[in-house]
N, C-alpha and C. Protein backbone atom coordinates (compact mmCIF):
# COMPACT_ATOMS: atom_id res chain seq x y z
N GLN A 1 0.84 -0.66 0.05
CA GLN A 1 -0.08 -0.03 -0.28
C GLN A 1 1.07 1.36 -0.01
N VAL A 2 0.50 1.95 -0.98
CA VAL A 2 0.93 3.63 -1.36
C VAL A 2 0.38 4.75 -0.94
N GLY A 3 1.27 5.50 0.31
CA GLY A 3 0.59 6.55 0.36
C GLY A 3 1.04 7.58 0.37
N LEU A 4 0.27 8.64 0.10
CA LEU A 4 0.36 9.89 -0.76
C LEU A 4 0.11 11.20 -0.32
N VAL A 5 0.57 12.27 -0.39
CA VAL A 5 0.28 13.51 0.53
C VAL A 5 0.63 14.44 0.23
N GLU A 6 -0.31 15.04 -0.27
CA GLU A 6 0.15 16.35 -1.54
C GLU A 6 -0.10 17.71 -0.87
N SER A 7 0.29 18.45 -0.72
CA SER A 7 0.72 20.27 -0.35
C SER A 7 1.14 20.64 -1.25
N GLY A 8 0.95 21.98 -1.09
CA GLY A 8 1.24 23.18 -1.12
C GLY A 8 0.48 24.04 -2.10
N GLY A 9 -0.75 23.74 -2.27
CA GLY A 9 -1.44 24.07 -3.13
C GLY A 9 -1.97 25.80 -2.25
N GLY A 10 -2.80 26.59 -3.59
CA GLY A 10 -2.68 27.50 -2.38
C GLY A 10 -3.41 28.60 -4.00
N LEU A 11 -4.43 29.79 -3.73
CA LEU A 11 -4.98 30.58 -4.15
C LEU A 11 -3.86 31.69 -4.49
N VAL A 12 -3.50 32.31 -5.82
CA VAL A 12 -1.88 33.09 -6.33
C VAL A 12 -2.78 33.94 -7.56
N GLN A 13 -2.07 35.23 -7.94
CA GLN A 13 -2.56 35.58 -9.05
C GLN A 13 -1.66 35.00 -11.17
N ALA A 14 -2.47 35.68 -11.83
CA ALA A 14 -1.52 34.91 -12.84
C ALA A 14 -0.33 35.75 -12.83
N GLY A 15 0.48 34.19 -13.07
CA GLY A 15 2.17 34.87 -13.02
C GLY A 15 2.67 34.25 -12.15
N ASP A 16 2.25 34.55 -10.83
CA ASP A 16 3.06 33.69 -9.65
C ASP A 16 3.39 32.17 -10.49
N SER A 17 3.79 32.00 -8.64
CA SER A 17 4.70 30.57 -8.94
C SER A 17 4.54 29.28 -7.65
N LEU A 18 4.24 28.23 -8.00
CA LEU A 18 4.02 27.37 -6.94
C LEU A 18 4.84 26.43 -6.87
N ARG A 19 5.03 25.87 -6.10
CA ARG A 19 5.96 24.19 -5.57
C ARG A 19 4.98 23.17 -5.06
N LEU A 20 3.84 22.48 -5.55
CA LEU A 20 3.32 21.06 -5.54
C LEU A 20 5.02 20.25 -4.69
N SER A 21 3.65 19.69 -3.45
CA SER A 21 4.95 18.26 -3.10
C SER A 21 4.22 17.37 -2.57
N CYS A 22 4.99 15.90 -3.07
CA CYS A 22 3.50 15.04 -2.38
C CYS A 22 4.79 13.75 -1.65
N ALA A 23 4.41 13.12 -0.61
CA ALA A 23 4.79 13.03 -0.12
C ALA A 23 4.34 11.03 0.41
N VAL A 24 5.22 10.20 -0.20
CA VAL A 24 5.59 9.17 -0.60
C VAL A 24 5.98 7.97 0.76
N SER A 25 4.92 7.80 0.66
CA SER A 25 5.28 6.46 1.84
C SER A 25 4.65 5.47 1.46
N GLY A 26 5.02 3.88 2.39
CA GLY A 26 4.64 2.71 2.14
C GLY A 26 5.48 1.76 1.39
N ARG A 27 6.32 2.11 0.52
CA ARG A 27 6.83 1.22 -0.78
C ARG A 27 8.70 1.72 -1.32
N THR A 28 9.42 0.97 -1.46
CA THR A 28 10.49 1.85 -2.04
C THR A 28 10.58 2.81 -2.68
N PHE A 29 10.63 4.41 -2.46
CA PHE A 29 10.46 5.39 -3.65
C PHE A 29 10.82 4.78 -5.03
N THR A 30 12.06 4.73 -4.62
CA THR A 30 12.67 4.47 -6.11
C THR A 30 12.10 2.83 -6.84
N ALA A 31 11.02 2.29 -6.35
CA ALA A 31 10.02 1.48 -7.43
C ALA A 31 9.20 1.84 -7.61
N LEU A 32 9.09 3.62 -7.34
CA LEU A 32 7.71 3.74 -7.77
C LEU A 32 7.87 5.20 -9.28
N ALA A 33 7.36 5.51 -10.16
CA ALA A 33 7.44 6.21 -10.77
C ALA A 33 6.19 7.53 -10.17
N ASN A 34 6.16 8.31 -10.76
CA ASN A 34 5.48 9.21 -9.85
C ASN A 34 4.27 10.76 -11.30
N ALA A 35 3.36 10.56 -11.22
CA ALA A 35 3.07 11.75 -12.01
C ALA A 35 1.89 12.46 -11.15
N TRP A 36 1.70 14.32 -11.91
CA TRP A 36 0.81 14.60 -11.82
C TRP A 36 -0.36 14.78 -12.59
N PHE A 37 -1.74 14.47 -11.60
CA PHE A 37 -2.69 15.14 -12.59
C PHE A 37 -3.29 16.15 -12.21
N ARG A 38 -4.47 16.47 -13.24
CA ARG A 38 -5.80 17.89 -12.32
C ARG A 38 -6.72 17.81 -12.99
N VAL A 39 -7.79 17.73 -12.32
CA VAL A 39 -8.99 18.43 -12.12
C VAL A 39 -9.54 19.22 -12.52
N ALA A 40 -9.61 19.97 -13.47
CA ALA A 40 -10.21 21.74 -13.56
C ALA A 40 -12.20 21.26 -13.26
N PRO A 41 -12.51 22.57 -12.66
CA PRO A 41 -14.13 22.53 -12.29
C PRO A 41 -14.65 22.07 -14.16
N GLY A 42 -15.25 21.28 -14.43
CA GLY A 42 -16.49 20.91 -15.45
C GLY A 42 -15.11 20.24 -16.12
N LYS A 43 -14.06 19.68 -15.66
CA LYS A 43 -13.19 18.91 -17.23
C LYS A 43 -12.82 17.15 -16.34
N GLU A 44 -12.31 16.75 -17.40
CA GLU A 44 -11.71 14.90 -17.06
C GLU A 44 -10.94 15.25 -16.66
N ARG A 45 -10.29 14.26 -15.86
CA ARG A 45 -8.58 14.37 -15.17
C ARG A 45 -7.92 13.96 -16.33
N GLU A 46 -6.65 14.65 -16.01
CA GLU A 46 -5.66 15.88 -17.20
C GLU A 46 -4.06 15.22 -17.23
N PHE A 47 -3.24 14.35 -17.36
CA PHE A 47 -2.44 13.97 -17.36
C PHE A 47 -1.32 15.07 -17.17
N VAL A 48 -0.27 16.18 -16.42
CA VAL A 48 0.33 17.43 -16.54
C VAL A 48 2.03 17.74 -16.21
N ALA A 49 2.47 16.04 -15.61
CA ALA A 49 3.71 15.89 -15.66
C ALA A 49 4.38 14.79 -14.90
N GLY A 50 4.81 13.87 -15.35
CA GLY A 50 5.56 12.75 -14.63
C GLY A 50 6.40 12.58 -14.72
N ILE A 51 7.67 11.80 -14.23
CA ILE A 51 8.70 11.56 -13.65
C ILE A 51 9.21 9.77 -13.87
N SER A 52 9.84 9.00 -14.51
CA SER A 52 10.10 8.22 -14.10
C SER A 52 10.73 7.49 -12.80
N ARG A 53 11.02 6.46 -12.31
CA ARG A 53 11.72 5.75 -11.16
C ARG A 53 12.54 6.44 -10.80
N ASN A 54 14.08 6.32 -11.30
CA ASN A 54 15.26 7.50 -11.32
C ASN A 54 15.15 7.79 -11.41
N GLY A 55 14.41 8.98 -11.86
CA GLY A 55 14.36 10.85 -12.05
C GLY A 55 15.06 10.68 -13.66
N GLY A 56 15.63 10.15 -14.42
CA GLY A 56 16.37 10.44 -15.42
C GLY A 56 15.19 10.56 -16.99
N ASN A 57 13.91 10.12 -16.57
CA ASN A 57 12.75 10.48 -17.48
C ASN A 57 11.83 11.02 -17.53
N THR A 58 11.41 12.61 -17.54
CA THR A 58 10.31 12.91 -17.79
C THR A 58 9.21 13.46 -18.75
N LYS A 59 8.16 13.24 -18.11
CA LYS A 59 6.89 13.87 -19.64
C LYS A 59 6.21 14.80 -18.86
N PHE A 60 5.60 16.03 -19.56
CA PHE A 60 4.78 16.97 -19.48
C PHE A 60 3.32 17.48 -20.27
N ALA A 61 2.81 17.60 -19.79
CA ALA A 61 1.41 18.29 -21.11
C ALA A 61 2.03 19.18 -22.05
N ASP A 62 1.38 19.42 -23.42
CA ASP A 62 1.97 20.42 -24.39
C ASP A 62 1.55 21.73 -23.29
N SER A 63 0.55 21.69 -22.78
CA SER A 63 0.09 22.82 -21.96
C SER A 63 1.07 23.38 -21.19
N VAL A 64 1.88 22.20 -20.22
CA VAL A 64 3.21 23.21 -19.64
C VAL A 64 4.22 23.21 -19.38
N LYS A 65 4.68 22.21 -20.79
CA LYS A 65 5.77 21.61 -20.73
C LYS A 65 6.85 23.35 -20.31
N ASP A 66 6.70 24.23 -20.78
CA ASP A 66 7.54 25.20 -20.60
C ASP A 66 7.37 26.07 -19.69
N ARG A 67 6.48 25.49 -18.27
CA ARG A 67 6.58 26.57 -17.48
C ARG A 67 6.39 25.80 -16.52
N PHE A 68 6.52 24.05 -16.49
CA PHE A 68 6.45 23.48 -15.29
C PHE A 68 8.20 22.48 -15.02
N ALA A 69 7.85 22.00 -13.71
CA ALA A 69 9.02 20.91 -13.91
C ALA A 69 8.70 20.01 -12.36
N ILE A 70 9.40 18.58 -12.65
CA ILE A 70 8.98 18.30 -11.95
C ILE A 70 9.96 17.32 -11.51
N SER A 71 10.53 17.20 -10.63
CA SER A 71 11.72 16.34 -10.07
C SER A 71 11.29 15.55 -8.40
N ARG A 72 12.66 14.64 -7.63
CA ARG A 72 11.90 13.76 -7.31
C ARG A 72 13.20 13.55 -6.44
N GLU A 73 13.20 13.78 -4.77
CA GLU A 73 14.41 13.69 -3.69
C GLU A 73 13.59 12.20 -3.31
N ASN A 74 14.86 11.92 -3.62
CA ASN A 74 14.45 9.97 -3.19
C ASN A 74 15.10 9.97 -1.35
N ALA A 75 16.25 11.01 -1.15
CA ALA A 75 16.50 10.91 0.11
C ALA A 75 14.86 10.76 1.23
N ASN A 76 13.93 12.12 0.62
CA ASN A 76 13.46 12.64 1.41
C ASN A 76 11.88 11.61 0.91
N ASN A 77 11.62 11.12 -0.23
CA ASN A 77 10.18 10.25 -0.54
C ASN A 77 9.79 11.18 -1.26
N THR A 78 9.95 12.07 -1.69
CA THR A 78 9.42 13.37 -2.11
C THR A 78 9.14 13.70 -3.44
N VAL A 79 8.56 13.83 -4.19
CA VAL A 79 8.09 14.40 -5.54
C VAL A 79 7.56 16.11 -5.56
N PHE A 80 7.72 16.52 -6.36
CA PHE A 80 7.39 18.49 -6.58
C PHE A 80 7.28 18.44 -7.58
N LEU A 81 5.82 19.09 -8.00
CA LEU A 81 5.55 20.01 -8.92
C LEU A 81 6.00 21.56 -9.23
N GLN A 82 6.86 21.96 -9.81
CA GLN A 82 7.43 23.87 -9.90
C GLN A 82 5.94 24.19 -10.57
N MET A 83 5.34 25.11 -10.30
CA MET A 83 4.87 25.34 -11.62
C MET A 83 4.99 27.30 -11.71
N ASN A 84 5.49 27.93 -12.59
CA ASN A 84 6.46 28.93 -12.89
C ASN A 84 4.97 29.00 -13.99
N SER A 85 4.74 30.79 -14.23
CA SER A 85 3.76 31.30 -15.27
C SER A 85 2.16 30.85 -15.02
N LEU A 86 1.49 30.97 -13.81
CA LEU A 86 0.37 30.31 -13.81
C LEU A 86 0.02 31.21 -13.88
N LYS A 87 -1.35 29.93 -15.03
CA LYS A 87 -2.60 31.42 -15.80
C LYS A 87 -3.69 30.75 -14.83
N PRO A 88 -5.17 31.53 -15.15
CA PRO A 88 -6.54 31.00 -14.39
C PRO A 88 -6.37 29.73 -15.28
N GLU A 89 -6.08 29.05 -16.31
CA GLU A 89 -6.39 27.93 -16.58
C GLU A 89 -6.20 26.76 -15.97
N ASP A 90 -4.77 26.92 -15.21
CA ASP A 90 -3.91 25.98 -14.39
C ASP A 90 -5.22 25.69 -13.30
N THR A 91 -5.57 26.54 -13.11
CA THR A 91 -7.03 26.15 -11.75
C THR A 91 -7.15 25.40 -11.91
N ALA A 92 -6.83 23.94 -10.67
CA ALA A 92 -7.39 22.34 -10.73
C ALA A 92 -7.37 22.51 -9.40
N MET A 93 -7.96 20.98 -8.92
CA MET A 93 -7.29 20.07 -7.75
C MET A 93 -6.15 19.46 -8.79
N TYR A 94 -4.92 19.90 -7.95
CA TYR A 94 -3.48 18.38 -8.14
C TYR A 94 -3.67 17.50 -7.67
N TYR A 95 -3.53 16.10 -8.61
CA TYR A 95 -3.51 15.15 -7.49
C TYR A 95 -1.76 14.11 -8.07
N CYS A 96 -1.12 13.68 -6.60
CA CYS A 96 0.09 13.00 -6.98
C CYS A 96 -0.74 11.92 -7.62
N ALA A 97 0.11 10.85 -7.91
CA ALA A 97 -0.30 9.32 -8.37
C ALA A 97 1.29 8.60 -8.48
N ALA A 98 1.01 7.50 -8.00
CA ALA A 98 2.50 6.22 -8.15
C ALA A 98 1.90 5.17 -9.29
N GLY A 99 2.80 4.49 -9.43
CA GLY A 99 2.50 3.27 -10.46
C GLY A 99 4.11 3.01 -10.70
N SER A 100 3.94 1.96 -11.53
CA SER A 100 5.46 1.16 -12.06
C SER A 100 6.14 1.55 -13.14
N VAL A 101 5.44 2.40 -14.41
CA VAL A 101 6.47 3.00 -14.95
C VAL A 101 6.08 4.20 -15.12
N LEU A 102 6.89 5.18 -16.47
CA LEU A 102 5.71 6.17 -15.79
C LEU A 102 5.17 6.51 -17.97
N ALA A 103 3.90 7.35 -17.62
CA ALA A 103 3.23 7.83 -18.28
C ALA A 103 2.20 7.93 -18.18
N THR A 104 0.99 8.30 -19.53
CA THR A 104 0.40 9.74 -19.17
C THR A 104 -1.11 9.27 -18.75
N ARG A 105 -1.62 7.89 -18.92
CA ARG A 105 -2.56 7.84 -18.37
C ARG A 105 -2.85 7.38 -17.63
N PRO A 106 -4.16 7.86 -17.07
CA PRO A 106 -4.47 6.78 -14.89
C PRO A 106 -4.61 6.10 -14.74
N SER A 107 -5.04 5.15 -15.48
CA SER A 107 -5.09 4.10 -15.49
C SER A 107 -3.37 2.85 -15.21
N HIS A 108 -2.88 3.96 -15.50
CA HIS A 108 -0.83 2.87 -15.51
C HIS A 108 -0.92 3.55 -13.93
N TYR A 109 -1.82 4.32 -12.89
CA TYR A 109 -1.27 4.53 -12.09
C TYR A 109 -1.73 3.89 -10.59
N HIS A 110 -1.68 3.24 -9.57
CA HIS A 110 -2.46 1.99 -8.80
C HIS A 110 -2.81 2.92 -7.39
N SER A 111 -1.29 4.22 -6.90
CA SER A 111 -2.35 4.83 -5.67
C SER A 111 -2.64 6.07 -5.99
N TRP A 112 -3.05 7.38 -5.45
CA TRP A 112 -3.66 8.83 -5.60
C TRP A 112 -3.34 9.20 -4.10
N GLY A 113 -2.88 10.38 -4.81
CA GLY A 113 -3.60 11.37 -3.38
C GLY A 113 -4.58 12.20 -3.27
N GLN A 114 -5.24 12.35 -2.14
CA GLN A 114 -6.29 13.34 -1.66
C GLN A 114 -6.66 14.67 -2.55
N GLY A 115 -5.35 14.84 -3.14
CA GLY A 115 -5.17 16.02 -3.71
C GLY A 115 -4.75 17.19 -2.94
N THR A 116 -4.07 18.54 -3.76
CA THR A 116 -4.21 19.75 -3.42
C THR A 116 -4.57 20.97 -4.11
N ARG A 117 -5.43 22.12 -3.86
CA ARG A 117 -6.24 22.67 -4.50
C ARG A 117 -5.50 23.79 -4.90
N VAL A 118 -5.50 24.27 -6.58
CA VAL A 118 -4.60 25.53 -7.06
C VAL A 118 -5.76 26.28 -7.88
N THR A 119 -5.25 27.48 -7.52
CA THR A 119 -6.64 28.53 -8.19
C THR A 119 -5.46 30.06 -8.58
N VAL A 120 -5.83 30.25 -9.75
CA VAL A 120 -5.61 31.15 -10.57
C VAL A 120 -6.25 32.34 -11.09
N SER A 121 -6.06 33.46 -9.58
CA SER A 121 -7.18 34.16 -11.09
C SER A 121 -5.71 35.58 -11.39
N SER A 122 -7.40 36.11 -11.97
CA SER A 122 -6.41 36.85 -13.18
C SER A 122 -6.31 38.36 -12.93
């Protein structure tokens, strides 16, 4: 059983930055790939960014690839999502996920956190 706890969300203005954190517990951290997904009001869950088990590979949605960065800190079993130049359309609940391989489809991830809300005002 993998536990995931997100933090770092909040209310910011367009152009600001936020860093989300995901604390992972319950399994060997380096055996897990991780990703961030988001659910905006009235929309389906959307892949945002993912990182492989060793951190060597990353994937980003086209809408964020020039603004967001994903990283992992193996010493603290934590995954980060650095979000820069935030836009109102980034407003969503952001979820951390864990799986065996880096993928963009939610079905590839077996564990999910409760989410952290990000609101970007114009």
